[in-house]
Amino acid sequence: SFPLDVQEAVLTRCSVKTLLRFKSVSKSYYGLIKSKRFIMEHMKHSVETNTNLNLILTHTVCPVSTSEESWYGQLFIGSLDTTNTSSLEIPLRKIDQPFTDWEQGTDTPFIGSCIGLIALRNSSGSIAVHNPSTKENYHITSFWLGEFDVKDDVCDGFGYNPVDDDYKLVRMIQRRGNIERTEIRVYSFKEGYALEYETEKPFYLGSSCADACFSNGRLYWLVASGPQEDVQDLILSFDLSTAQISSGKIPIDTSGDVYAVFLFPFAGSICVSCVDDGHGSFLSWERLSFRKNGVFGDGCDFVKPLAYSKCEDKILVDTYNGENEAWNLYRYDQIDKLGHGPISINNVPKGPRDSAICIETLVSFRKIDDEEAESSSKEEEKEVINTI
C-alpha cells in the first residue's frame, strides 16, 4: 500500500544486485528499473551519497616498478561499502574476461573507468566496454579506421558526455615520422561511428604517455611541452561535448628531481602525483596536498588517491613500496595525517597494478525503449490502484 513515489525512492537506495532481482517482482518494477529515468536517478543518488562504490584492480605497466610480473588480463572487483568502518579488509573477486577471443598469457590493458563502466583493449586493438554490475559487454572492432605502426605513440580515453548523454572512446595517434601532427578519433556509443580530428597546435605524447582520465565531461592526458622533454609537464584536456582541446601547466614544479608524473581522477577533480629522485611521492589536488614523508611507511615511491569515505574524513589510497616491490592499500586519515593499513585483499596477484573506482550502475548497452517501459509501468500502476 506504499505510494509508488515512495517505492521508487526506496528502490533508488538499493544495490544493483538487489534491483536486478526486483525486476522479477512485477511488470511495474520491471518497467521502472529498466527505464532510463530511474537508471539516472539511481546513479545520481550513488554519486551524491558516495555509495555503491567498487574497487577495480588490474595489471598495468608502471614506470615506478621494475617488476616483470604480469596478471595477463585478470581483473578483480570488490565493494567499498565497508571502507567507512574500522575494518582493514576488502574482499575481491575475479571478473570474467570480457574478450571472447582472449587467450591465457595475453594482456588486456585497462583504459579507464567512467560512470559504472570500464574499458579495456586487447593485443589485436579491439576494445571492450564492460559493466561489472550487470556483466554486459560492448565490443568495438571497427573503431580503428586506418593503419598505424607499432612504433607510433598511441593513447586512449573513455568518458561520458552529459550534454548528449553519450559514452565516448577517444584515441590519439602521433606518428613517429611526424610528431608535429596528432590525429584524434572519437567513437560515439549513441551514433555507433567514429569521427576524426587533427590538433592545430603540436604537443608530444611520447612513448610513456598514459591513457586518459575522465572528470566532468572532459578527458585529461599528461603530455610534454617539447619533443626532448624528459618529464611530461602539460595537462591536455579534451571536451567530449565540443571536441575542443586545451592545455595547461601541471600545478607542480617539475624542474627539479621529478622523474615520473601521474594523473588521476579524484572526487570530481584531477590529481597529480609525482615521484622524485629521492623516491618521495607527493600529491596535489584541489582539496588536499601533502608529501609522503613516511605517511605510508618507509620506501613508499608511489601514491594514488582513490575515494573518500562517506564522511570524507578518510581517503582510500593505493601505494607502491620500491624497497620490497609491494603494492598496498591504505586509509589516509585527514585528521591525524597518517595512513592506516595496509588493507588486506585476497587472491590478487603480485606485480604492477592499476586501480580505479567504479560506481554500481544499471546502465545498459542495449537501447532502452523508455516509452514502452513507462507504458508497462503505468499499466501495472492502474492494476495496483484498482487492487487497493
Protein backbone atom coordinates (compact mmCIF):
# COMPACT_ATOMS: atom_id res chain seq x y z
CA SER A 1 0.00 0.00 0.00
CA PHE A 2 3.03 2.32 -0.14
CA PRO A 3 2.62 5.19 -2.64
CA LEU A 4 4.50 4.48 -5.86
CA ASP A 5 6.77 7.51 -5.46
CA VAL A 6 7.83 6.21 -2.04
CA GLN A 7 8.53 2.79 -3.54
CA GLU A 8 10.69 4.40 -6.20
CA ALA A 9 12.58 6.44 -3.59
CA VAL A 10 13.33 3.24 -1.70
CA LEU A 11 14.45 1.43 -4.86
CA THR A 12 16.94 4.17 -5.74
CA ARG A 13 18.74 3.33 -2.48
CA CYS A 14 19.12 -0.37 -3.31
CA SER A 15 22.18 -2.04 -4.77
CA VAL A 16 22.28 -3.07 -8.43
CA LYS A 17 22.31 -6.74 -7.39
CA THR A 18 19.06 -6.22 -5.47
CA LEU A 19 17.44 -4.25 -8.30
CA LEU A 20 18.23 -6.97 -10.83
CA ARG A 21 16.35 -9.42 -8.62
CA PHE A 22 13.46 -6.96 -8.13
CA LYS A 23 12.86 -6.83 -11.89
CA SER A 24 11.09 -10.16 -11.44
CA VAL A 25 8.68 -8.82 -8.78
CA SER A 26 6.13 -7.31 -11.19
CA LYS A 27 5.68 -5.67 -14.58
CA SER A 28 5.71 -2.21 -12.99
CA TYR A 29 9.02 -2.89 -11.20
CA TYR A 30 10.45 -4.33 -14.40
CA GLY A 31 9.42 -1.27 -16.41
CA LEU A 32 10.61 1.17 -13.74
CA ILE A 33 14.02 -0.42 -13.19
CA LYS A 34 14.62 -0.63 -16.95
CA SER A 35 13.65 2.99 -17.57
CA LYS A 36 16.39 5.47 -18.32
CA ARG A 37 14.97 7.98 -15.86
CA PHE A 38 15.26 5.52 -12.95
CA ILE A 39 18.76 4.39 -14.01
CA MET A 40 19.94 8.00 -13.94
CA GLU A 41 18.22 8.68 -10.58
CA HIS A 42 19.85 5.61 -9.06
CA MET A 43 23.26 6.65 -10.38
CA LYS A 44 22.76 10.25 -9.17
CA HIS A 45 21.90 9.03 -5.68
CA SER A 46 25.01 6.82 -5.58
CA VAL A 47 27.22 9.76 -6.57
CA GLU A 48 25.63 12.21 -4.12
CA THR A 49 25.80 9.80 -1.16
CA ASN A 50 29.15 8.23 -2.08
CA THR A 51 27.63 4.73 -2.00
CA ASN A 52 27.61 1.66 -4.26
CA LEU A 53 31.32 2.08 -4.99
CA ASN A 54 33.52 -0.76 -6.21
CA LEU A 55 37.32 -1.06 -6.31
CA ILE A 56 38.76 -2.35 -9.61
CA LEU A 57 42.27 -3.83 -9.75
CA THR A 58 44.01 -4.84 -12.97
CA HIS A 59 47.53 -5.17 -14.34
CA THR A 60 49.41 -2.20 -15.73
CA VAL A 61 52.93 -1.29 -16.80
CA CYS A 62 54.01 1.23 -14.17
CA PRO A 63 57.20 3.33 -14.56
CA VAL A 64 57.94 3.24 -10.82
CA SER A 65 58.24 -0.55 -10.74
CA THR A 66 60.91 -2.77 -12.28
CA SER A 67 58.88 -5.96 -11.81
CA GLU A 68 58.25 -8.01 -14.95
CA GLU A 69 55.36 -9.95 -13.41
CA SER A 70 52.07 -9.74 -15.30
CA TRP A 71 48.47 -10.51 -14.44
CA TYR A 72 47.74 -11.42 -18.07
CA GLY A 73 44.32 -9.84 -18.36
CA GLN A 74 42.98 -10.74 -14.92
CA LEU A 75 40.50 -8.27 -13.37
CA PHE A 76 39.36 -8.06 -9.76
CA ILE A 77 36.47 -6.18 -8.14
CA GLY A 78 35.44 -5.55 -4.53
CA SER A 79 32.77 -3.50 -2.77
CA LEU A 80 33.84 -0.44 -0.76
CA ASP A 81 30.77 -0.42 1.45
CA THR A 82 32.99 -1.37 4.40
CA THR A 83 35.54 1.42 3.92
CA ASN A 84 33.75 3.64 6.44
CA THR A 85 34.26 1.14 9.29
CA SER A 86 37.42 0.20 11.14
CA SER A 87 37.76 -2.96 9.04
CA LEU A 88 41.04 -3.18 7.13
CA GLU A 89 39.90 -5.75 4.60
CA ILE A 90 38.30 -5.54 1.16
CA PRO A 91 37.08 -8.88 -0.26
CA LEU A 92 37.79 -9.11 -4.01
CA ARG A 93 36.51 -11.46 -6.70
CA LYS A 94 37.72 -12.08 -10.23
CA ILE A 95 35.71 -10.60 -13.13
CA ASP A 96 35.01 -12.74 -16.18
CA GLN A 97 37.21 -11.66 -19.07
CA PRO A 98 35.04 -9.56 -21.48
CA PHE A 99 37.03 -10.55 -24.59
CA THR A 100 35.65 -13.76 -26.07
CA ASP A 101 38.86 -14.32 -28.09
CA TRP A 102 41.09 -13.76 -25.06
CA GLU A 103 43.77 -16.39 -24.51
CA GLN A 104 45.65 -17.23 -21.33
CA GLY A 105 49.03 -15.50 -21.35
CA THR A 106 47.88 -12.37 -23.18
CA ASP A 107 47.29 -8.99 -21.61
CA THR A 108 44.28 -6.64 -21.72
CA PRO A 109 45.39 -3.11 -20.77
CA PHE A 110 42.93 -1.13 -18.65
CA ILE A 111 41.91 2.16 -20.33
CA GLY A 112 39.71 3.65 -17.64
CA SER A 113 36.51 3.69 -15.62
CA CYS A 114 33.57 6.01 -16.24
CA ILE A 115 30.17 6.12 -14.51
CA GLY A 116 29.82 2.43 -13.83
CA LEU A 117 31.61 1.10 -16.92
CA ILE A 118 35.22 0.05 -17.54
CA ALA A 119 37.07 0.00 -20.87
CA LEU A 120 39.86 -2.39 -21.86
CA ARG A 121 41.71 -3.25 -25.05
CA ASN A 122 43.41 -6.42 -26.23
CA SER A 123 46.50 -7.17 -28.28
CA SER A 124 44.52 -7.12 -31.56
CA GLY A 125 43.46 -3.49 -30.97
CA SER A 126 39.83 -4.24 -30.16
CA ILE A 127 38.16 -2.50 -27.23
CA ALA A 128 35.61 -3.97 -24.83
CA VAL A 129 33.49 -1.84 -22.51
CA HIS A 130 32.18 -3.83 -19.56
CA ASN A 131 29.57 -3.24 -16.85
CA PRO A 132 30.81 -5.25 -13.83
CA SER A 133 27.40 -4.95 -12.12
CA THR A 134 25.23 -6.34 -14.94
CA LYS A 135 28.06 -8.28 -16.69
CA GLU A 136 27.14 -6.76 -20.06
CA ASN A 137 29.83 -6.16 -22.71
CA TYR A 138 30.08 -3.80 -25.66
CA HIS A 139 32.75 -4.62 -28.26
CA ILE A 140 34.24 -2.18 -30.75
CA THR A 141 36.37 -3.66 -33.51
CA SER A 142 35.85 -1.16 -36.36
CA PHE A 143 36.88 1.98 -34.44
CA TRP A 144 40.49 1.98 -35.64
CA LEU A 145 39.96 3.20 -39.19
CA GLY A 146 43.31 3.34 -40.98
CA GLU A 147 46.54 1.61 -40.09
CA PHE A 148 49.16 2.79 -37.64
CA ASP A 149 52.62 1.47 -36.93
CA VAL A 150 53.54 -0.20 -33.64
CA LYS A 151 56.23 2.48 -33.23
CA ASP A 152 53.63 5.26 -33.28
CA ASP A 153 52.67 6.83 -29.94
CA VAL A 154 49.08 5.88 -29.14
CA CYS A 155 46.93 6.56 -26.08
CA ASP A 156 43.22 6.18 -25.40
CA GLY A 157 40.48 7.65 -23.24
CA PHE A 158 36.98 6.64 -22.16
CA GLY A 159 34.40 9.14 -20.92
CA TYR A 160 30.81 10.33 -20.81
CA ASN A 161 29.30 13.40 -22.46
CA PRO A 162 26.38 14.59 -20.26
CA VAL A 163 25.22 17.12 -22.88
CA ASP A 164 24.46 14.41 -25.46
CA ASP A 165 24.00 11.60 -22.91
CA ASP A 166 26.65 9.62 -24.78
CA TYR A 167 29.65 7.49 -23.81
CA LYS A 168 32.69 8.09 -25.99
CA LEU A 169 36.05 6.50 -26.71
CA VAL A 170 38.90 8.74 -27.82
CA ARG A 171 42.20 7.65 -29.38
CA MET A 172 45.19 9.94 -30.02
CA ILE A 173 47.86 8.85 -32.51
CA GLN A 174 51.17 10.61 -33.05
CA ARG A 175 53.18 9.21 -35.95
CA ARG A 176 56.82 8.55 -35.20
CA GLY A 177 57.81 10.17 -38.50
CA ASN A 178 55.65 13.29 -37.97
CA ILE A 179 55.42 14.23 -34.30
CA GLU A 180 54.12 17.72 -35.12
CA ARG A 181 50.76 16.21 -36.15
CA THR A 182 48.35 14.41 -33.83
CA GLU A 183 45.27 12.51 -35.03
CA ILE A 184 42.26 12.19 -32.76
CA ARG A 185 39.47 9.66 -33.32
CA VAL A 186 36.25 9.81 -31.31
CA TYR A 187 33.80 6.91 -31.22
CA SER A 188 30.21 7.68 -30.16
CA PHE A 189 28.25 4.89 -28.49
CA LYS A 190 24.98 6.59 -29.31
CA GLU A 191 25.75 7.09 -33.01
CA GLY A 192 27.86 3.95 -33.45
CA TYR A 193 30.60 5.51 -35.57
CA ALA A 194 33.89 7.39 -35.22
CA LEU A 195 34.84 10.95 -36.19
CA GLU A 196 38.38 12.09 -36.93
CA TYR A 197 40.04 15.35 -35.86
CA GLU A 198 43.51 16.87 -36.01
CA THR A 199 45.12 19.18 -33.49
CA GLU A 200 46.09 22.69 -34.55
CA LYS A 201 48.98 23.04 -32.08
CA PRO A 202 51.70 20.42 -31.65
CA PHE A 203 52.12 18.60 -28.36
CA TYR A 204 54.14 15.49 -27.65
CA LEU A 205 52.74 12.21 -26.36
CA GLY A 206 55.97 10.26 -26.08
CA SER A 207 56.20 6.53 -25.51
CA SER A 208 55.39 6.96 -21.80
CA CYS A 209 52.06 8.75 -22.37
CA ALA A 210 49.37 7.01 -20.32
CA ASP A 211 45.71 6.63 -21.16
CA ALA A 212 43.42 9.49 -20.21
CA CYS A 213 41.49 10.01 -17.00
CA PHE A 214 37.91 11.32 -17.07
CA SER A 215 36.31 14.07 -15.00
CA ASN A 216 33.27 16.33 -15.53
CA GLY A 217 32.79 15.75 -19.25
CA ARG A 218 36.47 16.00 -20.16
CA LEU A 219 39.36 13.62 -20.77
CA TYR A 220 42.82 14.56 -19.48
CA TRP A 221 46.25 13.34 -20.62
CA LEU A 222 49.75 14.20 -19.47
CA VAL A 223 51.92 15.34 -22.39
CA ALA A 224 55.28 17.04 -22.83
CA SER A 225 55.73 20.64 -23.96
CA GLY A 226 58.63 19.66 -26.25
CA PRO A 227 59.93 16.57 -28.05
CA GLN A 228 63.07 16.43 -25.90
CA GLU A 229 61.37 16.91 -22.52
CA ASP A 230 62.15 14.14 -20.02
CA VAL A 231 59.07 14.80 -17.85
CA GLN A 232 55.53 15.43 -19.03
CA ASP A 233 54.72 18.93 -17.82
CA LEU A 234 51.40 19.73 -19.54
CA ILE A 235 47.83 18.58 -18.89
CA LEU A 236 45.93 18.15 -22.14
CA SER A 237 42.14 18.46 -21.94
CA PHE A 238 39.62 17.19 -24.50
CA ASP A 239 36.00 18.36 -24.16
CA LEU A 240 33.70 15.46 -25.13
CA SER A 241 30.85 17.85 -25.95
CA THR A 242 32.64 20.34 -28.21
CA ALA A 243 35.74 18.30 -29.23
CA GLN A 244 37.84 21.31 -28.19
CA ILE A 245 41.41 20.78 -26.97
CA SER A 246 43.13 22.92 -24.38
CA SER A 247 46.31 22.57 -22.32
CA GLY A 248 47.91 23.99 -19.21
CA LYS A 249 50.92 23.53 -16.95
CA ILE A 250 50.65 20.95 -14.18
CA PRO A 251 50.33 22.54 -10.70
CA ILE A 252 53.68 21.11 -9.51
CA ASP A 253 57.19 22.27 -10.34
CA THR A 254 58.91 19.50 -12.34
CA SER A 255 62.17 21.35 -12.97
CA GLY A 256 63.93 19.61 -10.06
CA ASP A 257 64.44 15.89 -9.45
CA VAL A 258 60.99 14.74 -10.61
CA TYR A 259 61.29 11.77 -12.98
CA ALA A 260 57.71 10.46 -13.17
CA VAL A 261 54.34 12.21 -13.17
CA PHE A 262 50.90 10.59 -12.94
CA LEU A 263 47.38 11.94 -13.44
CA PHE A 264 44.26 10.54 -11.73
CA PRO A 265 40.58 11.46 -11.35
CA PHE A 266 39.63 12.02 -7.73
CA ALA A 267 36.48 13.39 -6.08
CA GLY A 268 35.33 15.28 -9.16
CA SER A 269 38.71 16.87 -9.87
CA ILE A 270 42.10 15.91 -11.26
CA CYS A 271 45.00 14.82 -9.05
CA VAL A 272 48.70 15.00 -9.97
CA SER A 273 51.08 12.56 -8.30
CA CYS A 274 54.85 12.90 -8.77
CA VAL A 275 57.89 10.81 -7.90
CA ASP A 276 61.29 12.46 -7.41
CA ASP A 277 64.80 11.01 -7.41
CA GLY A 278 64.68 10.81 -3.65
CA HIS A 279 61.79 8.37 -4.00
CA GLY A 280 59.39 10.75 -2.30
CA SER A 281 55.86 10.76 -3.66
CA PHE A 282 53.85 13.94 -3.38
CA LEU A 283 50.30 14.79 -4.39
CA SER A 284 48.41 17.89 -5.40
CA TRP A 285 44.73 18.40 -5.98
CA GLU A 286 42.09 20.91 -5.04
CA ARG A 287 41.14 19.52 -1.65
CA LEU A 288 44.38 18.10 -0.30
CA SER A 289 48.12 18.34 -0.81
CA PHE A 290 50.93 16.60 1.06
CA ARG A 291 54.34 14.97 0.71
CA LYS A 292 54.84 11.32 1.52
CA ASN A 293 57.27 11.80 4.47
CA GLY A 294 56.66 8.35 6.00
CA VAL A 295 52.86 8.65 5.93
CA PHE A 296 52.58 5.22 4.26
CA GLY A 297 55.75 3.67 5.64
CA ASP A 298 59.39 3.95 4.64
CA GLY A 299 60.22 3.31 1.00
CA CYS A 300 56.88 4.49 -0.42
CA ASP A 301 57.54 5.59 -4.01
CA PHE A 302 54.06 5.98 -5.46
CA VAL A 303 50.73 7.26 -4.11
CA LYS A 304 47.35 7.21 -5.83
CA PRO A 305 44.16 8.51 -4.11
CA LEU A 306 41.03 6.53 -4.99
CA ALA A 307 37.95 7.51 -2.96
CA TYR A 308 36.68 9.43 0.04
CA SER A 309 34.79 7.73 2.86
CA LYS A 310 31.16 8.81 3.30
CA CYS A 311 32.14 11.34 5.97
CA GLU A 312 35.11 12.48 3.84
CA ASP A 313 37.44 12.15 6.81
CA LYS A 314 39.39 9.25 5.27
CA ILE A 315 40.75 8.51 1.79
CA LEU A 316 41.40 5.12 0.24
CA VAL A 317 44.95 5.27 -1.22
CA ASP A 318 46.93 2.84 -3.39
CA THR A 319 50.71 2.83 -2.83
CA TYR A 320 53.89 1.21 -4.13
CA ASN A 321 56.94 0.47 -1.97
CA GLY A 322 60.10 0.02 -4.05
CA GLU A 323 62.18 -1.46 -1.25
CA ASN A 324 60.14 -4.67 -1.16
CA GLU A 325 58.29 -4.39 -4.51
CA ALA A 326 54.94 -4.28 -2.69
CA TRP A 327 51.64 -2.67 -3.67
CA ASN A 328 49.39 -1.84 -0.72
CA LEU A 329 46.11 -0.09 0.03
CA TYR A 330 45.87 2.34 2.96
CA ARG A 331 43.27 4.58 4.52
CA TYR A 332 44.65 8.08 4.91
CA ASP A 333 43.11 9.89 7.89
CA GLN A 334 42.86 13.63 7.25
CA ILE A 335 42.63 14.34 10.97
CA ASP A 336 45.73 12.55 12.28
CA LYS A 337 47.53 12.85 8.88
CA LEU A 338 48.51 9.18 8.96
CA GLY A 339 47.99 6.19 6.72
CA HIS A 340 46.28 3.21 8.38
CA GLY A 341 46.91 -0.22 6.92
CA PRO A 342 47.88 -1.95 4.82
CA ILE A 343 44.39 -3.13 3.94
CA SER A 344 44.05 -6.86 3.40
CA ILE A 345 42.98 -8.03 -0.07
CA ASN A 346 42.87 -11.70 -1.03
CA ASN A 347 43.62 -13.67 -4.20
CA VAL A 348 45.23 -10.75 -6.07
CA PRO A 349 48.49 -11.50 -7.98
CA LYS A 350 51.72 -9.68 -7.20
CA GLY A 351 53.30 -7.20 -9.59
CA PRO A 352 52.46 -3.75 -11.04
CA ARG A 353 48.77 -2.92 -10.95
CA ASP A 354 46.27 -0.27 -11.85
CA SER A 355 43.41 0.67 -9.56
CA ALA A 356 40.17 2.54 -10.16
CA ILE A 357 36.79 3.26 -8.62
CA CYS A 358 33.64 2.13 -10.42
CA ILE A 359 30.07 3.00 -9.42
CA GLU A 360 27.48 0.24 -9.49
CA THR A 361 25.03 1.11 -12.26
CA LEU A 362 22.20 -0.36 -14.34
CA VAL A 363 23.43 1.40 -17.50
CA SER A 364 22.84 -0.93 -20.43
CA PHE A 365 24.46 -1.05 -23.87
CA ARG A 366 21.17 -2.14 -25.39
CA LYS A 367 18.92 0.72 -26.45
CA ILE A 368 16.12 1.03 -23.93
CA ASP A 369 12.64 1.87 -25.16
CA ASP A 370 11.63 4.22 -22.37
CA GLU A 371 8.15 4.77 -23.75
CA GLU A 372 7.50 1.03 -23.72
CA ALA A 373 8.95 0.68 -20.23
CA GLU A 374 6.93 3.68 -18.97
CA SER A 375 3.78 2.29 -20.58
CA SER A 376 4.32 -1.06 -18.88
CA SER A 377 4.86 0.72 -15.57
CA LYS A 378 1.67 2.81 -15.91
CA GLU A 379 -0.41 -0.22 -16.89
CA GLU A 380 0.77 -2.08 -13.82
CA GLU A 381 0.16 1.05 -11.72
CA LYS A 382 -3.50 1.06 -12.74
CA GLU A 383 -3.80 -2.60 -11.73
CA VAL A 384 -2.24 -1.86 -8.33
CA ILE A 385 -4.55 1.14 -7.72
CA ASN A 386 -7.63 -0.91 -8.65
CA THR A 387 -6.50 -3.70 -6.32
CA ILE A 388 -6.02 -1.28 -3.43
